[in-house]
Amino acid sequence: MFYRLITVVGGLLFVIILFALIWFFCKQFLLRHGVKEQVSDRATVLATWTFAGVSVGLVFAVLVLELVWNSEQGNSLTKDVPANIQESIESFFFGNRSGCIRFVRLRFL
C-alpha cells in the first residue's frame, strides 16, 4: 500500500516540476521576444497549452507504440473485441503499416 502513495506523490511531483520548467522556459521565451506586459499571465497560458499538447502527444505515442509492440509479439490489447471492430482499430492506427509507423518500428523498436 505504501508503494501506491510513493507512486502518486512521485507522479504529482513530476507533473509539478515539468509544468514549472515549461512555464519558466515560456517566460524566458516571451521576455527574449520583447514581451513586457503581463509576462507571467501570458507565460501561464502558453505553458498550459504546451503542457496539454505534450500530455496528449505522450498518451498518443505510448498508445501507438504499445499497439505496435503487442502486434509484433502476437498479443493484442483488443483480443476480446469483435473482429470487425478490431480491424477498424488496427487500420486506424496502422493503416497499411507505412509512413510514420514503419519509421517508428524500424528506428526505435
N, C-alpha and C. Protein backbone atom coordinates (compact mmCIF):
# COMPACT_ATOMS: atom_id res chain seq x y z
N MET A 1 0.82 -1.20 0.00
CA MET A 1 0.00 0.00 0.00
C MET A 1 0.86 1.25 0.00
N PHE A 2 2.00 1.17 0.68
CA PHE A 2 2.88 2.32 0.77
C PHE A 2 3.46 2.69 -0.60
N TYR A 3 3.72 1.69 -1.46
CA TYR A 3 4.26 1.97 -2.78
C TYR A 3 3.28 2.78 -3.63
N ARG A 4 1.98 2.60 -3.40
CA ARG A 4 0.99 3.39 -4.14
C ARG A 4 1.09 4.85 -3.77
N LEU A 5 1.27 5.13 -2.48
CA LEU A 5 1.42 6.50 -2.03
C LEU A 5 2.68 7.13 -2.62
N ILE A 6 3.76 6.38 -2.63
CA ILE A 6 5.00 6.89 -3.22
C ILE A 6 4.82 7.14 -4.71
N THR A 7 4.12 6.26 -5.41
CA THR A 7 3.88 6.44 -6.84
C THR A 7 3.04 7.68 -7.11
N VAL A 8 1.98 7.89 -6.34
CA VAL A 8 1.12 9.06 -6.53
C VAL A 8 1.88 10.34 -6.23
N VAL A 9 2.61 10.36 -5.11
CA VAL A 9 3.38 11.56 -4.75
C VAL A 9 4.47 11.82 -5.79
N GLY A 10 5.15 10.78 -6.22
CA GLY A 10 6.17 10.94 -7.26
C GLY A 10 5.59 11.45 -8.57
N GLY A 11 4.43 10.93 -8.96
CA GLY A 11 3.77 11.40 -10.18
C GLY A 11 3.36 12.87 -10.08
N LEU A 12 2.81 13.24 -8.93
CA LEU A 12 2.44 14.65 -8.73
C LEU A 12 3.66 15.57 -8.76
N LEU A 13 4.73 15.14 -8.13
CA LEU A 13 5.96 15.94 -8.16
C LEU A 13 6.50 16.08 -9.59
N PHE A 14 6.45 14.99 -10.33
CA PHE A 14 6.90 15.03 -11.72
C PHE A 14 6.09 16.03 -12.54
N VAL A 15 4.77 15.98 -12.39
CA VAL A 15 3.90 16.90 -13.13
C VAL A 15 4.16 18.34 -12.72
N ILE A 16 4.30 18.59 -11.43
CA ILE A 16 4.54 19.95 -10.95
C ILE A 16 5.87 20.48 -11.46
N ILE A 17 6.91 19.66 -11.37
CA ILE A 17 8.22 20.10 -11.84
C ILE A 17 8.23 20.31 -13.34
N LEU A 18 7.59 19.41 -14.09
CA LEU A 18 7.53 19.57 -15.55
C LEU A 18 6.80 20.84 -15.94
N PHE A 19 5.66 21.11 -15.29
CA PHE A 19 4.92 22.33 -15.61
C PHE A 19 5.74 23.56 -15.23
N ALA A 20 6.43 23.52 -14.09
CA ALA A 20 7.25 24.66 -13.67
C ALA A 20 8.37 24.93 -14.67
N LEU A 21 9.00 23.88 -15.17
CA LEU A 21 10.04 24.06 -16.17
C LEU A 21 9.48 24.63 -17.47
N ILE A 22 8.35 24.10 -17.91
CA ILE A 22 7.73 24.63 -19.14
C ILE A 22 7.35 26.09 -18.95
N TRP A 23 6.79 26.43 -17.79
CA TRP A 23 6.41 27.82 -17.51
C TRP A 23 7.65 28.73 -17.52
N PHE A 24 8.72 28.28 -16.89
CA PHE A 24 9.94 29.09 -16.85
C PHE A 24 10.48 29.34 -18.25
N PHE A 25 10.54 28.30 -19.08
CA PHE A 25 11.05 28.47 -20.43
C PHE A 25 10.10 29.30 -21.30
N CYS A 26 8.80 29.20 -21.07
CA CYS A 26 7.85 30.05 -21.78
C CYS A 26 8.05 31.52 -21.40
N LYS A 27 8.28 31.76 -20.13
CA LYS A 27 8.52 33.13 -19.68
C LYS A 27 9.80 33.69 -20.29
N GLN A 28 10.85 32.88 -20.31
CA GLN A 28 12.10 33.32 -20.92
C GLN A 28 11.92 33.58 -22.42
N PHE A 29 11.16 32.73 -23.07
CA PHE A 29 10.87 32.91 -24.50
C PHE A 29 10.16 34.23 -24.75
N LEU A 30 9.14 34.52 -23.94
CA LEU A 30 8.40 35.77 -24.12
C LEU A 30 9.28 36.98 -23.83
N LEU A 31 10.10 36.92 -22.80
CA LEU A 31 10.99 38.04 -22.49
C LEU A 31 12.00 38.29 -23.59
N ARG A 32 12.54 37.23 -24.16
CA ARG A 32 13.52 37.38 -25.24
C ARG A 32 12.90 37.89 -26.53
N HIS A 33 11.59 37.73 -26.67
CA HIS A 33 10.90 38.24 -27.85
C HIS A 33 10.27 39.61 -27.60
N GLY A 34 10.64 40.24 -26.51
CA GLY A 34 10.24 41.62 -26.27
C GLY A 34 8.90 41.84 -25.62
N VAL A 35 8.29 40.82 -25.06
CA VAL A 35 7.01 41.00 -24.38
C VAL A 35 7.29 41.61 -23.01
N LYS A 36 6.64 42.73 -22.71
CA LYS A 36 6.88 43.43 -21.45
C LYS A 36 5.67 43.41 -20.52
N GLU A 37 4.46 43.32 -21.07
CA GLU A 37 3.24 43.43 -20.27
C GLU A 37 2.67 42.04 -19.99
N GLN A 38 2.26 41.84 -18.77
CA GLN A 38 1.59 40.61 -18.33
C GLN A 38 2.38 39.37 -18.72
N VAL A 39 3.67 39.40 -18.48
CA VAL A 39 4.52 38.28 -18.89
C VAL A 39 4.15 37.00 -18.13
N SER A 40 3.90 37.11 -16.84
CA SER A 40 3.58 35.91 -16.06
C SER A 40 2.25 35.29 -16.50
N ASP A 41 1.24 36.12 -16.75
CA ASP A 41 -0.05 35.60 -17.20
C ASP A 41 0.07 34.96 -18.58
N ARG A 42 0.77 35.62 -19.47
CA ARG A 42 0.94 35.06 -20.81
C ARG A 42 1.77 33.79 -20.79
N ALA A 43 2.78 33.76 -19.92
CA ALA A 43 3.59 32.54 -19.78
C ALA A 43 2.75 31.40 -19.23
N THR A 44 1.84 31.71 -18.31
CA THR A 44 0.97 30.67 -17.76
C THR A 44 0.06 30.09 -18.84
N VAL A 45 -0.51 30.95 -19.65
CA VAL A 45 -1.39 30.47 -20.73
C VAL A 45 -0.59 29.64 -21.74
N LEU A 46 0.57 30.14 -22.13
CA LEU A 46 1.40 29.42 -23.09
C LEU A 46 1.87 28.08 -22.51
N ALA A 47 2.26 28.08 -21.24
CA ALA A 47 2.71 26.84 -20.61
C ALA A 47 1.57 25.84 -20.46
N THR A 48 0.37 26.33 -20.17
CA THR A 48 -0.78 25.43 -20.03
C THR A 48 -1.07 24.72 -21.34
N TRP A 49 -1.10 25.46 -22.44
CA TRP A 49 -1.38 24.84 -23.74
C TRP A 49 -0.23 23.93 -24.17
N THR A 50 0.99 24.33 -23.88
CA THR A 50 2.13 23.49 -24.23
C THR A 50 2.10 22.19 -23.43
N PHE A 51 1.81 22.30 -22.14
CA PHE A 51 1.73 21.12 -21.29
C PHE A 51 0.61 20.19 -21.75
N ALA A 52 -0.52 20.76 -22.12
CA ALA A 52 -1.64 19.95 -22.61
C ALA A 52 -1.26 19.23 -23.90
N GLY A 53 -0.59 19.94 -24.79
CA GLY A 53 -0.15 19.31 -26.05
C GLY A 53 0.85 18.20 -25.82
N VAL A 54 1.80 18.42 -24.94
CA VAL A 54 2.78 17.39 -24.61
C VAL A 54 2.10 16.18 -23.99
N SER A 55 1.15 16.42 -23.10
CA SER A 55 0.44 15.31 -22.44
C SER A 55 -0.34 14.47 -23.43
N VAL A 56 -1.09 15.12 -24.29
CA VAL A 56 -1.87 14.39 -25.30
C VAL A 56 -0.94 13.65 -26.25
N GLY A 57 0.14 14.30 -26.65
CA GLY A 57 1.10 13.66 -27.54
C GLY A 57 1.75 12.44 -26.92
N LEU A 58 2.09 12.52 -25.64
CA LEU A 58 2.69 11.38 -24.97
C LEU A 58 1.71 10.22 -24.83
N VAL A 59 0.48 10.53 -24.51
CA VAL A 59 -0.53 9.46 -24.40
C VAL A 59 -0.72 8.78 -25.76
N PHE A 60 -0.82 9.57 -26.81
CA PHE A 60 -0.99 9.00 -28.15
C PHE A 60 0.24 8.18 -28.55
N ALA A 61 1.44 8.71 -28.29
CA ALA A 61 2.66 7.98 -28.65
C ALA A 61 2.78 6.67 -27.90
N VAL A 62 2.47 6.68 -26.60
CA VAL A 62 2.54 5.45 -25.82
C VAL A 62 1.51 4.44 -26.30
N LEU A 63 0.31 4.91 -26.61
CA LEU A 63 -0.73 4.01 -27.10
C LEU A 63 -0.32 3.37 -28.42
N VAL A 64 0.17 4.16 -29.35
CA VAL A 64 0.58 3.63 -30.65
C VAL A 64 1.75 2.67 -30.49
N LEU A 65 2.75 3.05 -29.71
CA LEU A 65 3.89 2.16 -29.52
C LEU A 65 3.50 0.87 -28.81
N GLU A 66 2.57 0.97 -27.87
CA GLU A 66 2.08 -0.24 -27.20
C GLU A 66 1.36 -1.16 -28.18
N LEU A 67 0.55 -0.58 -29.04
CA LEU A 67 -0.15 -1.39 -30.03
C LEU A 67 0.82 -2.01 -31.03
N VAL A 68 1.84 -1.26 -31.44
CA VAL A 68 2.84 -1.81 -32.35
C VAL A 68 3.59 -2.95 -31.67
N TRP A 69 4.02 -2.72 -30.43
CA TRP A 69 4.77 -3.75 -29.71
C TRP A 69 3.94 -5.01 -29.52
N ASN A 70 2.68 -4.85 -29.11
CA ASN A 70 1.83 -6.02 -28.88
C ASN A 70 1.51 -6.75 -30.17
N SER A 71 1.35 -6.03 -31.27
CA SER A 71 1.07 -6.71 -32.53
C SER A 71 2.31 -7.47 -33.00
N GLU A 72 3.50 -6.96 -32.71
CA GLU A 72 4.72 -7.66 -33.07
C GLU A 72 4.91 -8.92 -32.23
N GLN A 73 4.48 -8.88 -30.98
CA GLN A 73 4.65 -10.01 -30.08
C GLN A 73 3.53 -11.04 -30.20
N GLY A 74 2.53 -10.74 -31.00
CA GLY A 74 1.41 -11.66 -31.15
C GLY A 74 0.33 -11.46 -30.11
N ASN A 75 0.50 -10.51 -29.24
CA ASN A 75 -0.52 -10.19 -28.24
C ASN A 75 -1.41 -9.09 -28.81
N SER A 76 -2.56 -8.98 -28.28
CA SER A 76 -3.46 -7.92 -28.74
C SER A 76 -4.19 -7.34 -27.55
N LEU A 77 -4.22 -6.01 -27.48
CA LEU A 77 -4.99 -5.35 -26.44
C LEU A 77 -6.48 -5.48 -26.70
N THR A 78 -6.82 -5.87 -27.92
CA THR A 78 -8.22 -5.92 -28.32
C THR A 78 -8.67 -7.35 -28.59
N LYS A 79 -8.09 -8.35 -27.91
CA LYS A 79 -8.43 -9.73 -28.24
C LYS A 79 -9.85 -10.12 -27.85
N ASP A 80 -10.49 -9.39 -26.94
CA ASP A 80 -11.87 -9.67 -26.57
C ASP A 80 -12.87 -8.84 -27.37
N VAL A 81 -12.39 -8.04 -28.29
CA VAL A 81 -13.24 -7.17 -29.09
C VAL A 81 -13.63 -7.92 -30.36
N PRO A 82 -14.86 -7.78 -30.84
CA PRO A 82 -15.26 -8.44 -32.09
C PRO A 82 -14.31 -8.11 -33.25
N ALA A 83 -14.19 -9.03 -34.19
CA ALA A 83 -13.19 -8.91 -35.25
C ALA A 83 -13.35 -7.65 -36.09
N ASN A 84 -14.59 -7.26 -36.42
CA ASN A 84 -14.76 -6.09 -37.28
C ASN A 84 -14.32 -4.81 -36.57
N ILE A 85 -14.53 -4.71 -35.27
CA ILE A 85 -14.09 -3.54 -34.52
C ILE A 85 -12.58 -3.57 -34.36
N GLN A 86 -12.03 -4.75 -34.14
CA GLN A 86 -10.58 -4.88 -34.01
C GLN A 86 -9.89 -4.46 -35.31
N GLU A 87 -10.44 -4.86 -36.45
CA GLU A 87 -9.87 -4.47 -37.73
C GLU A 87 -9.94 -2.96 -37.91
N SER A 88 -11.03 -2.34 -37.48
CA SER A 88 -11.15 -0.89 -37.58
C SER A 88 -10.11 -0.19 -36.72
N ILE A 89 -9.90 -0.69 -35.51
CA ILE A 89 -8.90 -0.10 -34.62
C ILE A 89 -7.52 -0.24 -35.22
N GLU A 90 -7.19 -1.43 -35.70
CA GLU A 90 -5.86 -1.65 -36.26
C GLU A 90 -5.65 -0.85 -37.54
N SER A 91 -6.66 -0.73 -38.38
CA SER A 91 -6.49 0.06 -39.60
C SER A 91 -6.37 1.55 -39.28
N PHE A 92 -7.04 2.00 -38.20
CA PHE A 92 -6.92 3.40 -37.81
C PHE A 92 -5.50 3.71 -37.38
N PHE A 93 -4.91 2.84 -36.55
CA PHE A 93 -3.58 3.12 -36.03
C PHE A 93 -2.46 2.72 -36.98
N PHE A 94 -2.65 1.63 -37.72
CA PHE A 94 -1.56 1.12 -38.53
C PHE A 94 -1.72 1.38 -40.02
N GLY A 95 -2.93 1.51 -40.49
CA GLY A 95 -3.13 1.66 -41.93
C GLY A 95 -2.55 0.47 -42.64
N ASN A 96 -1.71 0.74 -43.61
CA ASN A 96 -1.04 -0.35 -44.31
C ASN A 96 0.41 -0.50 -43.84
N ARG A 97 0.65 -0.10 -42.60
CA ARG A 97 1.98 -0.18 -41.98
C ARG A 97 3.02 0.59 -42.77
N SER A 98 2.67 1.77 -43.20
CA SER A 98 3.64 2.59 -43.91
C SER A 98 3.79 3.92 -43.18
N GLY A 99 4.66 4.73 -43.68
CA GLY A 99 4.80 6.08 -43.15
C GLY A 99 5.41 6.11 -41.77
N CYS A 100 4.76 6.82 -40.87
CA CYS A 100 5.29 7.07 -39.53
C CYS A 100 5.44 5.78 -38.73
N ILE A 101 4.46 4.89 -38.82
CA ILE A 101 4.53 3.66 -38.04
C ILE A 101 5.73 2.82 -38.47
N ARG A 102 5.98 2.74 -39.77
CA ARG A 102 7.14 1.99 -40.25
C ARG A 102 8.42 2.63 -39.74
N PHE A 103 8.49 3.97 -39.76
CA PHE A 103 9.66 4.68 -39.24
C PHE A 103 9.87 4.37 -37.77
N VAL A 104 8.79 4.40 -36.98
CA VAL A 104 8.90 4.12 -35.56
C VAL A 104 9.36 2.69 -35.34
N ARG A 105 8.81 1.76 -36.08
CA ARG A 105 9.19 0.36 -35.91
C ARG A 105 10.65 0.14 -36.27
N LEU A 106 11.11 0.71 -37.37
CA LEU A 106 12.47 0.47 -37.81
C LEU A 106 13.48 1.24 -36.96
N ARG A 107 13.09 2.40 -36.52
CA ARG A 107 14.03 3.28 -35.84
C ARG A 107 14.17 3.00 -34.35
N PHE A 108 13.07 2.70 -33.70
CA PHE A 108 13.08 2.66 -32.24
C PHE A 108 12.83 1.29 -31.64
N LEU A 109 12.32 0.35 -32.39
CA LEU A 109 11.99 -0.95 -31.78
C LEU A 109 12.94 -2.04 -32.22
